[in-house]
Structure formats: C-alpha cells, structure tokens
Amino acid sequence: SETLRLVEKLGFSKITLDDIARCLGKKKSFLNYYFPDKEALLAAA
C-alpha cells in the first residue's frame, strides 16, 4: 500500500527502498526480508 501511494505521488523511478522503509518507520533490510529488490516489490504491488 505504501509503495503504491509513493508511486502515484512521485513515480517509480524516483523512489527507493529506503524511501518506502522510512515512510513505514522501518529500515531497508525490513523490506528485503519480503522483497529482494525494488522491481519485485513493484511487481507485487
């Protein structure tokens, strides 16, 4: 949900895993537990 919110606001190329993690109050490693990279995360979203 947070990924889609940021994509709609900024576009996919302008956001990073760090941005998404920061908005969730987490670290990048937290996202990597669920998704190996940004492309996999967007594909799932």
ModelCIF file with pLDDT and N, C-alpha, C, O atoms, coordinates in Angstrom:
data_MODEL
#
_entry.id   MODEL 
#
_entity.id                         1 
_entity.type                       polymer 
_entity.pdbx_number_of_molecules   1 
#
_entity_poly.entity_id                      1 
_entity_poly.type                           'polypeptide(L)' 
_entity_poly.nstd_linkage                   no 
_entity_poly.nstd_monomer                   no 
_entity_poly.pdbx_seq_one_letter_code       SETLRLVEKLGFSKITLDDIARCLGKKKSFLNYYFPDKEALLAAA 
_entity_poly.pdbx_seq_one_letter_code_can   SETLRLVEKLGFSKITLDDIARCLGKKKSFLNYYFPDKEALLAAA 
_entity_poly.pdbx_strand_id                 A 
#
loop_
_entity_poly_seq.entity_id 
_entity_poly_seq.num 
_entity_poly_seq.mon_id 
_entity_poly_seq.hetero 
1 1  SER n 
1 2  GLU n 
1 3  THR n 
1 4  LEU n 
1 5  ARG n 
1 6  LEU n 
1 7  VAL n 
1 8  GLU n 
1 9  LYS n 
1 10 LEU n 
1 11 GLY n 
1 12 PHE n 
1 13 SER n 
1 14 LYS n 
1 15 ILE n 
1 16 THR n 
1 17 LEU n 
1 18 ASP n 
1 19 ASP n 
1 20 ILE n 
1 21 ALA n 
1 22 ARG n 
1 23 CYS n 
1 24 LEU n 
1 25 GLY n 
1 26 LYS n 
1 27 LYS n 
1 28 LYS n 
1 29 SER n 
1 30 PHE n 
1 31 LEU n 
1 32 ASN n 
1 33 TYR n 
1 34 TYR n 
1 35 PHE n 
1 36 PRO n 
1 37 ASP n 
1 38 LYS n 
1 39 GLU n 
1 40 ALA n 
1 41 LEU n 
1 42 LEU n 
1 43 ALA n 
1 44 ALA n 
1 45 ALA n 
#
_struct_asym.id          A 
_struct_asym.entity_id   1 
#
loop_
_ma_qa_metric.id 
_ma_qa_metric.mode 
_ma_qa_metric.name 
_ma_qa_metric.software_group_id 
_ma_qa_metric.type 
1 global pLDDT . pLDDT 
2 local  pLDDT . pLDDT 
#
_ma_qa_metric_global.metric_id      1 
_ma_qa_metric_global.metric_value   86.44 
_ma_qa_metric_global.model_id       1 
_ma_qa_metric_global.ordinal_id     1 
#
loop_
_ma_qa_metric_local.label_asym_id 
_ma_qa_metric_local.label_comp_id 
_ma_qa_metric_local.label_seq_id 
_ma_qa_metric_local.metric_id 
_ma_qa_metric_local.metric_value 
_ma_qa_metric_local.model_id 
_ma_qa_metric_local.ordinal_id 
A SER 1  2 90.00 1 1  
A GLU 2  2 90.00 1 2  
A THR 3  2 88.00 1 3  
A LEU 4  2 86.00 1 4  
A ARG 5  2 88.00 1 5  
A LEU 6  2 88.00 1 6  
A VAL 7  2 82.00 1 7  
A GLU 8  2 81.00 1 8  
A LYS 9  2 83.00 1 9  
A LEU 10 2 82.00 1 10 
A GLY 11 2 77.00 1 11 
A PHE 12 2 77.00 1 12 
A SER 13 2 78.00 1 13 
A LYS 14 2 81.00 1 14 
A ILE 15 2 84.00 1 15 
A THR 16 2 87.00 1 16 
A LEU 17 2 90.00 1 17 
A ASP 18 2 91.00 1 18 
A ASP 19 2 91.00 1 19 
A ILE 20 2 91.00 1 20 
A ALA 21 2 91.00 1 21 
A ARG 22 2 92.00 1 22 
A CYS 23 2 91.00 1 23 
A LEU 24 2 91.00 1 24 
A GLY 25 2 91.00 1 25 
A LYS 26 2 90.00 1 26 
A LYS 27 2 89.00 1 27 
A LYS 28 2 88.00 1 28 
A SER 29 2 89.00 1 29 
A PHE 30 2 89.00 1 30 
A LEU 31 2 89.00 1 31 
A ASN 32 2 89.00 1 32 
A TYR 33 2 90.00 1 33 
A TYR 34 2 90.00 1 34 
A PHE 35 2 89.00 1 35 
A PRO 36 2 88.00 1 36 
A ASP 37 2 86.00 1 37 
A LYS 38 2 83.00 1 38 
A GLU 39 2 80.00 1 39 
A ALA 40 2 85.00 1 40 
A LEU 41 2 86.00 1 41 
A LEU 42 2 81.00 1 42 
A ALA 43 2 80.00 1 43 
A ALA 44 2 85.00 1 44 
A ALA 45 2 83.00 1 45 
#
loop_
_atom_site.group_PDB 
_atom_site.id 
_atom_site.type_symbol 
_atom_site.label_atom_id 
_atom_site.label_alt_id 
_atom_site.label_comp_id 
_atom_site.label_asym_id 
_atom_site.label_entity_id 
_atom_site.label_seq_id 
_atom_site.pdbx_PDB_ins_code 
_atom_site.Cartn_x 
_atom_site.Cartn_y 
_atom_site.Cartn_z 
_atom_site.occupancy 
_atom_site.B_iso_or_equiv 
_atom_site.pdbx_formal_charge 
_atom_site.auth_seq_id 
_atom_site.auth_comp_id 
_atom_site.auth_asym_id 
_atom_site.auth_atom_id 
_atom_site.pdbx_PDB_model_num 
ATOM 1   N N  . SER A 1 1  ? 0.833  -1.207  0.000   1.00 90.00 ? 1  SER A N  1 
ATOM 2   C CA . SER A 1 1  ? 0.000  0.000   0.000   1.00 90.00 ? 1  SER A CA 1 
ATOM 3   C C  . SER A 1 1  ? 0.863  1.252   0.000   1.00 90.00 ? 1  SER A C  1 
ATOM 4   O O  . SER A 1 1  ? 0.583  2.206   -0.725  1.00 90.00 ? 1  SER A O  1 
ATOM 5   N N  . GLU A 1 2  ? 1.905  1.246   0.806   1.00 90.00 ? 2  GLU A N  1 
ATOM 6   C CA . GLU A 1 2  ? 2.793  2.412   0.873   1.00 90.00 ? 2  GLU A CA 1 
ATOM 7   C C  . GLU A 1 2  ? 3.554  2.585   -0.433  1.00 90.00 ? 2  GLU A C  1 
ATOM 8   O O  . GLU A 1 2  ? 3.778  3.709   -0.882  1.00 90.00 ? 2  GLU A O  1 
ATOM 9   N N  . THR A 1 3  ? 3.947  1.484   -1.038  1.00 88.00 ? 3  THR A N  1 
ATOM 10  C CA . THR A 1 3  ? 4.640  1.546   -2.328  1.00 88.00 ? 3  THR A CA 1 
ATOM 11  C C  . THR A 1 3  ? 3.753  2.192   -3.380  1.00 88.00 ? 3  THR A C  1 
ATOM 12  O O  . THR A 1 3  ? 4.199  3.082   -4.104  1.00 88.00 ? 3  THR A O  1 
ATOM 13  N N  . LEU A 1 4  ? 2.511  1.755   -3.471  1.00 86.00 ? 4  LEU A N  1 
ATOM 14  C CA . LEU A 1 4  ? 1.585  2.319   -4.457  1.00 86.00 ? 4  LEU A CA 1 
ATOM 15  C C  . LEU A 1 4  ? 1.315  3.791   -4.197  1.00 86.00 ? 4  LEU A C  1 
ATOM 16  O O  . LEU A 1 4  ? 1.194  4.578   -5.136  1.00 86.00 ? 4  LEU A O  1 
ATOM 17  N N  . ARG A 1 5  ? 1.219  4.167   -2.932  1.00 88.00 ? 5  ARG A N  1 
ATOM 18  C CA . ARG A 1 5  ? 0.982  5.572   -2.591  1.00 88.00 ? 5  ARG A CA 1 
ATOM 19  C C  . ARG A 1 5  ? 2.132  6.440   -3.105  1.00 88.00 ? 5  ARG A C  1 
ATOM 20  O O  . ARG A 1 5  ? 1.906  7.510   -3.670  1.00 88.00 ? 5  ARG A O  1 
ATOM 21  N N  . LEU A 1 6  ? 3.356  5.974   -2.905  1.00 88.00 ? 6  LEU A N  1 
ATOM 22  C CA . LEU A 1 6  ? 4.515  6.741   -3.339  1.00 88.00 ? 6  LEU A CA 1 
ATOM 23  C C  . LEU A 1 6  ? 4.644  6.742   -4.860  1.00 88.00 ? 6  LEU A C  1 
ATOM 24  O O  . LEU A 1 6  ? 5.048  7.744   -5.451  1.00 88.00 ? 6  LEU A O  1 
ATOM 25  N N  . VAL A 1 7  ? 4.299  5.611   -5.496  1.00 82.00 ? 7  VAL A N  1 
ATOM 26  C CA . VAL A 1 7  ? 4.358  5.551   -6.957  1.00 82.00 ? 7  VAL A CA 1 
ATOM 27  C C  . VAL A 1 7  ? 3.375  6.549   -7.566  1.00 82.00 ? 7  VAL A C  1 
ATOM 28  O O  . VAL A 1 7  ? 3.711  7.256   -8.515  1.00 82.00 ? 7  VAL A O  1 
ATOM 29  N N  . GLU A 1 8  ? 2.162  6.603   -7.019  1.00 81.00 ? 8  GLU A N  1 
ATOM 30  C CA . GLU A 1 8  ? 1.160  7.534   -7.540  1.00 81.00 ? 8  GLU A CA 1 
ATOM 31  C C  . GLU A 1 8  ? 1.584  8.979   -7.340  1.00 81.00 ? 8  GLU A C  1 
ATOM 32  O O  . GLU A 1 8  ? 1.233  9.850   -8.137  1.00 81.00 ? 8  GLU A O  1 
ATOM 33  N N  . LYS A 1 9  ? 2.335  9.236   -6.280  1.00 83.00 ? 9  LYS A N  1 
ATOM 34  C CA . LYS A 1 9  ? 2.736  10.607  -5.954  1.00 83.00 ? 9  LYS A CA 1 
ATOM 35  C C  . LYS A 1 9  ? 3.993  11.028  -6.710  1.00 83.00 ? 9  LYS A C  1 
ATOM 36  O O  . LYS A 1 9  ? 4.064  12.148  -7.215  1.00 83.00 ? 9  LYS A O  1 
ATOM 37  N N  . LEU A 1 10 ? 4.993  10.136  -6.792  1.00 82.00 ? 10 LEU A N  1 
ATOM 38  C CA . LEU A 1 10 ? 6.298  10.518  -7.316  1.00 82.00 ? 10 LEU A CA 1 
ATOM 39  C C  . LEU A 1 10 ? 6.723  9.780   -8.577  1.00 82.00 ? 10 LEU A C  1 
ATOM 40  O O  . LEU A 1 10 ? 7.558  10.280  -9.331  1.00 82.00 ? 10 LEU A O  1 
ATOM 41  N N  . GLY A 1 11 ? 6.167  8.607   -8.816  1.00 77.00 ? 11 GLY A N  1 
ATOM 42  C CA . GLY A 1 11 ? 6.657  7.776   -9.905  1.00 77.00 ? 11 GLY A CA 1 
ATOM 43  C C  . GLY A 1 11 ? 7.646  6.760   -9.372  1.00 77.00 ? 11 GLY A C  1 
ATOM 44  O O  . GLY A 1 11 ? 8.329  7.014   -8.379  1.00 77.00 ? 11 GLY A O  1 
ATOM 45  N N  . PHE A 1 12 ? 7.728  5.617   -10.021 1.00 77.00 ? 12 PHE A N  1 
ATOM 46  C CA . PHE A 1 12 ? 8.540  4.518   -9.503  1.00 77.00 ? 12 PHE A CA 1 
ATOM 47  C C  . PHE A 1 12 ? 10.030 4.831   -9.521  1.00 77.00 ? 12 PHE A C  1 
ATOM 48  O O  . PHE A 1 12 ? 10.740 4.501   -8.571  1.00 77.00 ? 12 PHE A O  1 
ATOM 49  N N  . SER A 1 13 ? 10.516 5.467   -10.595 1.00 78.00 ? 13 SER A N  1 
ATOM 50  C CA . SER A 1 13 ? 11.951 5.700   -10.729 1.00 78.00 ? 13 SER A CA 1 
ATOM 51  C C  . SER A 1 13 ? 12.493 6.666   -9.682  1.00 78.00 ? 13 SER A C  1 
ATOM 52  O O  . SER A 1 13 ? 13.693 6.673   -9.411  1.00 78.00 ? 13 SER A O  1 
ATOM 53  N N  . LYS A 1 14 ? 11.622 7.478   -9.091  1.00 81.00 ? 14 LYS A N  1 
ATOM 54  C CA . LYS A 1 14 ? 12.078 8.489   -8.137  1.00 81.00 ? 14 LYS A CA 1 
ATOM 55  C C  . LYS A 1 14 ? 12.047 8.032   -6.680  1.00 81.00 ? 14 LYS A C  1 
ATOM 56  O O  . LYS A 1 14 ? 12.463 8.767   -5.784  1.00 81.00 ? 14 LYS A O  1 
ATOM 57  N N  . ILE A 1 15 ? 11.554 6.822   -6.449  1.00 84.00 ? 15 ILE A N  1 
ATOM 58  C CA . ILE A 1 15 ? 11.522 6.345   -5.073  1.00 84.00 ? 15 ILE A CA 1 
ATOM 59  C C  . ILE A 1 15 ? 12.514 5.200   -4.900  1.00 84.00 ? 15 ILE A C  1 
ATOM 60  O O  . ILE A 1 15 ? 12.850 4.502   -5.857  1.00 84.00 ? 15 ILE A O  1 
ATOM 61  N N  . THR A 1 16 ? 12.975 5.021   -3.669  1.00 87.00 ? 16 THR A N  1 
ATOM 62  C CA . THR A 1 16 ? 13.917 3.946   -3.346  1.00 87.00 ? 16 THR A CA 1 
ATOM 63  C C  . THR A 1 16 ? 13.328 3.080   -2.244  1.00 87.00 ? 16 THR A C  1 
ATOM 64  O O  . THR A 1 16 ? 12.336 3.445   -1.613  1.00 87.00 ? 16 THR A O  1 
ATOM 65  N N  . LEU A 1 17 ? 13.943 1.940   -2.022  1.00 90.00 ? 17 LEU A N  1 
ATOM 66  C CA . LEU A 1 17 ? 13.507 1.091   -0.917  1.00 90.00 ? 17 LEU A CA 1 
ATOM 67  C C  . LEU A 1 17 ? 13.669 1.819   0.411   1.00 90.00 ? 17 LEU A C  1 
ATOM 68  O O  . LEU A 1 17 ? 12.877 1.631   1.335   1.00 90.00 ? 17 LEU A O  1 
ATOM 69  N N  . ASP A 1 18 ? 14.702 2.652   0.497   1.00 91.00 ? 18 ASP A N  1 
ATOM 70  C CA . ASP A 1 18 ? 14.902 3.443   1.715   1.00 91.00 ? 18 ASP A CA 1 
ATOM 71  C C  . ASP A 1 18 ? 13.734 4.392   1.942   1.00 91.00 ? 18 ASP A C  1 
ATOM 72  O O  . ASP A 1 18 ? 13.294 4.574   3.077   1.00 91.00 ? 18 ASP A O  1 
ATOM 73  N N  . ASP A 1 19 ? 13.224 5.006   0.859   1.00 91.00 ? 19 ASP A N  1 
ATOM 74  C CA . ASP A 1 19 ? 12.081 5.916   0.983   1.00 91.00 ? 19 ASP A CA 1 
ATOM 75  C C  . ASP A 1 19 ? 10.865 5.176   1.523   1.00 91.00 ? 19 ASP A C  1 
ATOM 76  O O  . ASP A 1 19 ? 10.184 5.651   2.433   1.00 91.00 ? 19 ASP A O  1 
ATOM 77  N N  . ILE A 1 20 ? 10.605 4.009   0.949   1.00 91.00 ? 20 ILE A N  1 
ATOM 78  C CA . ILE A 1 20 ? 9.443  3.225   1.370   1.00 91.00 ? 20 ILE A CA 1 
ATOM 79  C C  . ILE A 1 20 ? 9.589  2.782   2.818   1.00 91.00 ? 20 ILE A C  1 
ATOM 80  O O  . ILE A 1 20 ? 8.648  2.873   3.606   1.00 91.00 ? 20 ILE A O  1 
ATOM 81  N N  . ALA A 1 21 ? 10.777 2.304   3.156   1.00 91.00 ? 21 ALA A N  1 
ATOM 82  C CA . ALA A 1 21 ? 11.022 1.848   4.529   1.00 91.00 ? 21 ALA A CA 1 
ATOM 83  C C  . ALA A 1 21 ? 10.866 2.998   5.509   1.00 91.00 ? 21 ALA A C  1 
ATOM 84  O O  . ALA A 1 21 ? 10.302 2.828   6.589   1.00 91.00 ? 21 ALA A O  1 
ATOM 85  N N  . ARG A 1 22 ? 11.372 4.181   5.129   1.00 92.00 ? 22 ARG A N  1 
ATOM 86  C CA . ARG A 1 22 ? 11.293 5.345   6.007   1.00 92.00 ? 22 ARG A CA 1 
ATOM 87  C C  . ARG A 1 22 ? 9.835  5.727   6.281   1.00 92.00 ? 22 ARG A C  1 
ATOM 88  O O  . ARG A 1 22 ? 9.480  6.062   7.411   1.00 92.00 ? 22 ARG A O  1 
ATOM 89  N N  . CYS A 1 23 ? 8.999  5.674   5.251   1.00 91.00 ? 23 CYS A N  1 
ATOM 90  C CA . CYS A 1 23 ? 7.593  6.009   5.424   1.00 91.00 ? 23 CYS A CA 1 
ATOM 91  C C  . CYS A 1 23 ? 6.885  5.004   6.334   1.00 91.00 ? 23 CYS A C  1 
ATOM 92  O O  . CYS A 1 23 ? 5.885  5.327   6.976   1.00 91.00 ? 23 CYS A O  1 
ATOM 93  N N  . LEU A 1 24 ? 7.410  3.804   6.376   1.00 91.00 ? 24 LEU A N  1 
ATOM 94  C CA . LEU A 1 24 ? 6.828  2.765   7.232   1.00 91.00 ? 24 LEU A CA 1 
ATOM 95  C C  . LEU A 1 24 ? 7.469  2.737   8.612   1.00 91.00 ? 24 LEU A C  1 
ATOM 96  O O  . LEU A 1 24 ? 7.075  1.950   9.473   1.00 91.00 ? 24 LEU A O  1 
ATOM 97  N N  . GLY A 1 25 ? 8.472  3.609   8.819   1.00 91.00 ? 25 GLY A N  1 
ATOM 98  C CA . GLY A 1 25 ? 9.164  3.625   10.098  1.00 91.00 ? 25 GLY A CA 1 
ATOM 99  C C  . GLY A 1 25 ? 10.074 2.427   10.273  1.00 91.00 ? 25 GLY A C  1 
ATOM 100 O O  . GLY A 1 25 ? 10.324 1.980   11.393  1.00 91.00 ? 25 GLY A O  1 
ATOM 101 N N  . LYS A 1 26 ? 10.577 1.899   9.134   1.00 90.00 ? 26 LYS A N  1 
ATOM 102 C CA . LYS A 1 26 ? 11.427 0.708   9.178   1.00 90.00 ? 26 LYS A CA 1 
ATOM 103 C C  . LYS A 1 26 ? 12.748 0.979   8.458   1.00 90.00 ? 26 LYS A C  1 
ATOM 104 O O  . LYS A 1 26 ? 12.984 2.067   7.931   1.00 90.00 ? 26 LYS A O  1 
ATOM 105 N N  . LYS A 1 27 ? 13.614 -0.066  8.456   1.00 89.00 ? 27 LYS A N  1 
ATOM 106 C CA . LYS A 1 27 ? 14.865 0.010   7.725   1.00 89.00 ? 27 LYS A CA 1 
ATOM 107 C C  . LYS A 1 27 ? 14.752 -0.779  6.418   1.00 89.00 ? 27 LYS A C  1 
ATOM 108 O O  . LYS A 1 27 ? 13.857 -1.609  6.260   1.00 89.00 ? 27 LYS A O  1 
ATOM 109 N N  . LYS A 1 28 ? 15.666 -0.511  5.486   1.00 88.00 ? 28 LYS A N  1 
ATOM 110 C CA . LYS A 1 28 ? 15.638 -1.173  4.192   1.00 88.00 ? 28 LYS A CA 1 
ATOM 111 C C  . LYS A 1 28 ? 15.694 -2.687  4.334   1.00 88.00 ? 28 LYS A C  1 
ATOM 112 O O  . LYS A 1 28 ? 15.048 -3.404  3.569   1.00 88.00 ? 28 LYS A O  1 
ATOM 113 N N  . SER A 1 29 ? 16.455 -3.179  5.300   1.00 89.00 ? 29 SER A N  1 
ATOM 114 C CA . SER A 1 29 ? 16.583 -4.626  5.498   1.00 89.00 ? 29 SER A CA 1 
ATOM 115 C C  . SER A 1 29 ? 15.232 -5.261  5.811   1.00 89.00 ? 29 SER A C  1 
ATOM 116 O O  . SER A 1 29 ? 15.009 -6.435  5.518   1.00 89.00 ? 29 SER A O  1 
ATOM 117 N N  . PHE A 1 30 ? 14.336 -4.483  6.406   1.00 89.00 ? 30 PHE A N  1 
ATOM 118 C CA . PHE A 1 30 ? 12.985 -4.976  6.703   1.00 89.00 ? 30 PHE A CA 1 
ATOM 119 C C  . PHE A 1 30 ? 12.252 -5.295  5.405   1.00 89.00 ? 30 PHE A C  1 
ATOM 120 O O  . PHE A 1 30 ? 11.586 -6.326  5.307   1.00 89.00 ? 30 PHE A O  1 
ATOM 121 N N  . LEU A 1 31 ? 12.370 -4.416  4.405   1.00 89.00 ? 31 LEU A N  1 
ATOM 122 C CA . LEU A 1 31 ? 11.726 -4.657  3.116   1.00 89.00 ? 31 LEU A CA 1 
ATOM 123 C C  . LEU A 1 31 ? 12.361 -5.839  2.392   1.00 89.00 ? 31 LEU A C  1 
ATOM 124 O O  . LEU A 1 31 ? 11.670 -6.632  1.752   1.00 89.00 ? 31 LEU A O  1 
ATOM 125 N N  . ASN A 1 32 ? 13.691 -5.948  2.498   1.00 89.00 ? 32 ASN A N  1 
ATOM 126 C CA . ASN A 1 32 ? 14.387 -7.020  1.796   1.00 89.00 ? 32 ASN A CA 1 
ATOM 127 C C  . ASN A 1 32 ? 14.007 -8.401  2.314   1.00 89.00 ? 32 ASN A C  1 
ATOM 128 O O  . ASN A 1 32 ? 14.200 -9.397  1.618   1.00 89.00 ? 32 ASN A O  1 
ATOM 129 N N  . TYR A 1 33 ? 13.477 -8.470  3.508   1.00 90.00 ? 33 TYR A N  1 
ATOM 130 C CA . TYR A 1 33 ? 13.015 -9.751  4.036   1.00 90.00 ? 33 TYR A CA 1 
ATOM 131 C C  . TYR A 1 33 ? 11.828 -10.254 3.216   1.00 90.00 ? 33 TYR A C  1 
ATOM 132 O O  . TYR A 1 33 ? 11.654 -11.459 3.036   1.00 90.00 ? 33 TYR A O  1 
ATOM 133 N N  . TYR A 1 34 ? 11.008 -9.312  2.718   1.00 90.00 ? 34 TYR A N  1 
ATOM 134 C CA . TYR A 1 34 ? 9.807  -9.667  1.965   1.00 90.00 ? 34 TYR A CA 1 
ATOM 135 C C  . TYR A 1 34 ? 10.014 -9.604  0.460   1.00 90.00 ? 34 TYR A C  1 
ATOM 136 O O  . TYR A 1 34 ? 9.415  -10.379 -0.285  1.00 90.00 ? 34 TYR A O  1 
ATOM 137 N N  . PHE A 1 35 ? 10.868 -8.674  0.006   1.00 89.00 ? 35 PHE A N  1 
ATOM 138 C CA . PHE A 1 35 ? 11.079 -8.481  -1.430  1.00 89.00 ? 35 PHE A CA 1 
ATOM 139 C C  . PHE A 1 35 ? 12.573 -8.311  -1.702  1.00 89.00 ? 35 PHE A C  1 
ATOM 140 O O  . PHE A 1 35 ? 13.229 -7.512  -1.034  1.00 89.00 ? 35 PHE A O  1 
ATOM 141 N N  . PRO A 1 36 ? 13.126 -9.051  -2.678  1.00 88.00 ? 36 PRO A N  1 
ATOM 142 C CA . PRO A 1 36 ? 14.569 -8.984  -2.926  1.00 88.00 ? 36 PRO A CA 1 
ATOM 143 C C  . PRO A 1 36 ? 15.057 -7.662  -3.503  1.00 88.00 ? 36 PRO A C  1 
ATOM 144 O O  . PRO A 1 36 ? 16.200 -7.265  -3.273  1.00 88.00 ? 36 PRO A O  1 
ATOM 145 N N  . ASP A 1 37 ? 14.185 -6.971  -4.260  1.00 86.00 ? 37 ASP A N  1 
ATOM 146 C CA . ASP A 1 37 ? 14.594 -5.705  -4.860  1.00 86.00 ? 37 ASP A CA 1 
ATOM 147 C C  . ASP A 1 37 ? 13.359 -4.851  -5.160  1.00 86.00 ? 37 ASP A C  1 
ATOM 148 O O  . ASP A 1 37 ? 12.226 -5.274  -4.932  1.00 86.00 ? 37 ASP A O  1 
ATOM 149 N N  . LYS A 1 38 ? 13.600 -3.657  -5.668  1.00 83.00 ? 38 LYS A N  1 
ATOM 150 C CA . LYS A 1 38 ? 12.513 -2.711  -5.920  1.00 83.00 ? 38 LYS A CA 1 
ATOM 151 C C  . LYS A 1 38 ? 11.573 -3.195  -7.014  1.00 83.00 ? 38 LYS A C  1 
ATOM 152 O O  . LYS A 1 38 ? 10.361 -2.999  -6.926  1.00 83.00 ? 38 LYS A O  1 
ATOM 153 N N  . GLU A 1 39 ? 12.123 -3.823  -8.039  1.00 80.00 ? 39 GLU A N  1 
ATOM 154 C CA . GLU A 1 39 ? 11.283 -4.311  -9.133  1.00 80.00 ? 39 GLU A CA 1 
ATOM 155 C C  . GLU A 1 39 ? 10.315 -5.387  -8.648  1.00 80.00 ? 39 GLU A C  1 
ATOM 156 O O  . GLU A 1 39 ? 9.147  -5.403  -9.035  1.00 80.00 ? 39 GLU A O  1 
ATOM 157 N N  . ALA A 1 40 ? 10.812 -6.286  -7.797  1.00 85.00 ? 40 ALA A N  1 
ATOM 158 C CA . ALA A 1 40 ? 9.951  -7.352  -7.260  1.00 85.00 ? 40 ALA A CA 1 
ATOM 159 C C  . ALA A 1 40 ? 8.852  -6.759  -6.394  1.00 85.00 ? 40 ALA A C  1 
ATOM 160 O O  . ALA A 1 40 ? 7.720  -7.245  -6.386  1.00 85.00 ? 40 ALA A O  1 
ATOM 161 N N  . LEU A 1 41 ? 9.199  -5.697  -5.660  1.00 86.00 ? 41 LEU A N  1 
ATOM 162 C CA . LEU A 1 41 ? 8.218  -5.037  -4.804  1.00 86.00 ? 41 LEU A CA 1 
ATOM 163 C C  . LEU A 1 41 ? 7.124  -4.380  -5.651  1.00 86.00 ? 41 LEU A C  1 
ATOM 164 O O  . LEU A 1 41 ? 5.939  -4.518  -5.348  1.00 86.00 ? 41 LEU A O  1 
ATOM 165 N N  . LEU A 1 42 ? 7.514  -3.674  -6.702  1.00 81.00 ? 42 LEU A N  1 
ATOM 166 C CA . LEU A 1 42 ? 6.510  -3.020  -7.543  1.00 81.00 ? 42 LEU A CA 1 
ATOM 167 C C  . LEU A 1 42 ? 5.652  -4.053  -8.275  1.00 81.00 ? 42 LEU A C  1 
ATOM 168 O O  . LEU A 1 42 ? 4.442  -3.876  -8.411  1.00 81.00 ? 42 LEU A O  1 
ATOM 169 N N  . ALA A 1 43 ? 6.282  -5.128  -8.743  1.00 80.00 ? 43 ALA A N  1 
ATOM 170 C CA . ALA A 1 43 ? 5.524  -6.165  -9.434  1.00 80.00 ? 43 ALA A CA 1 
ATOM 171 C C  . ALA A 1 43 ? 4.447  -6.733  -8.519  1.00 80.00 ? 43 ALA A C  1 
ATOM 172 O O  . ALA A 1 43 ? 3.321  -6.974  -8.953  1.00 80.00 ? 43 ALA A O  1 
ATOM 173 N N  . ALA A 1 44 ? 4.793  -6.946  -7.252  1.00 85.00 ? 44 ALA A N  1 
ATOM 174 C CA . ALA A 1 44 ? 3.813  -7.468  -6.287  1.00 85.00 ? 44 ALA A CA 1 
ATOM 175 C C  . ALA A 1 44 ? 2.725  -6.438  -6.009  1.00 85.00 ? 44 ALA A C  1 
ATOM 176 O O  . ALA A 1 44 ? 1.552  -6.789  -5.874  1.00 85.00 ? 44 ALA A O  1 
ATOM 177 N N  . ALA A 1 45 ? 3.115  -5.158  -5.922  1.00 83.00 ? 45 ALA A N  1 
ATOM 178 C CA . ALA A 1 45 ? 2.146  -4.103  -5.639  1.00 83.00 ? 45 ALA A CA 1 
ATOM 179 C C  . ALA A 1 45 ? 1.147  -3.952  -6.785  1.00 83.00 ? 45 ALA A C  1 
ATOM 180 O O  . ALA A 1 45 ? 0.255  -3.106  -6.719  1.00 83.00 ? 45 ALA A O  1 
#
